[in-house]
Amino acid sequence: MSENTATAEDPVTGEEITLPADLEVGEILDSPVSGAELEVVSTEPVTLEEAPELEEDWGE
């Protein structure tokens, strides 16, 4: 692992995945393993959760 990458556990598969080190809390990214959308919930240590499904509100 270099200074430009970080590792975290894919919450869907449990596998270790390599991510860019400049992640920000709230960032959404695609898992290279499962393809699921993941949300960064912590950066120290890097913790991921499945991103919530976006619901359309149609401006209401």
Protein backbone atom coordinates (compact mmCIF):
# COMPACT_ATOMS: atom_id res chain seq x y z
CA MET A 1 0.00 0.00 0.00
CA SER A 2 1.37 3.41 -0.91
CA GLU A 3 0.69 6.87 0.51
CA ASN A 4 -1.82 7.45 -2.33
CA THR A 5 -4.08 4.52 -1.43
CA ALA A 6 -6.02 3.20 1.53
CA THR A 7 -7.70 -0.13 2.17
CA ALA A 8 -11.12 -0.88 3.59
CA GLU A 9 -13.50 -3.81 3.86
CA ASP A 10 -16.25 -4.05 1.26
CA PRO A 11 -19.39 -4.28 3.45
CA VAL A 12 -21.15 -6.40 0.81
CA THR A 13 -18.51 -9.09 0.27
CA GLY A 14 -16.20 -8.66 3.27
CA GLU A 15 -13.19 -8.48 0.93
CA GLU A 16 -10.38 -5.98 1.40
CA ILE A 17 -10.44 -3.33 -1.34
CA THR A 18 -7.92 -0.64 -2.29
CA LEU A 19 -9.18 2.93 -2.53
CA PRO A 20 -7.71 6.39 -3.16
CA ALA A 21 -6.27 7.90 0.05
CA ASP A 22 -8.00 11.26 -0.45
CA LEU A 23 -11.48 10.01 0.43
CA GLU A 24 -13.94 12.31 2.18
CA VAL A 25 -16.77 11.37 4.54
CA GLY A 26 -20.02 11.20 2.59
CA GLU A 27 -18.29 10.34 -0.68
CA ILE A 28 -20.01 7.68 -2.80
CA LEU A 29 -17.91 5.23 -4.79
CA ASP A 30 -18.36 1.97 -6.67
CA SER A 31 -16.86 -1.16 -5.16
CA PRO A 32 -14.29 -2.74 -7.49
CA VAL A 33 -15.32 -6.14 -6.08
CA SER A 34 -19.12 -6.15 -5.79
CA GLY A 35 -20.00 -3.17 -8.00
CA ALA A 36 -22.24 -1.86 -5.21
CA GLU A 37 -22.37 1.85 -4.43
CA LEU A 38 -20.58 2.46 -1.12
CA GLU A 39 -20.56 5.51 1.13
CA VAL A 40 -17.51 6.59 3.12
CA VAL A 41 -18.70 6.94 6.73
CA SER A 42 -15.27 7.42 8.32
CA THR A 43 -11.75 8.16 7.10
CA GLU A 44 -9.78 7.19 10.24
CA PRO A 45 -9.96 4.26 9.78
CA VAL A 46 -11.63 4.11 6.37
CA THR A 47 -15.09 2.64 6.95
CA LEU A 48 -17.62 1.96 4.22
CA GLU A 49 -21.35 1.19 4.21
CA GLU A 50 -23.71 0.41 1.38
CA ALA A 51 -24.97 3.73 0.02
CA PRO A 52 -28.69 4.32 0.61
CA GLU A 53 -30.91 4.10 -2.43
CA LEU A 54 -31.78 7.56 -3.64
CA GLU A 55 -35.50 8.27 -3.71
CA GLU A 56 -36.97 10.82 -6.05
CA ASP A 57 -38.90 13.55 -4.28
CA TRP A 58 -40.08 15.37 -7.40
CA GLY A 59 -39.48 18.70 -5.64
CA GLU A 60 -42.14 18.12 -3.02
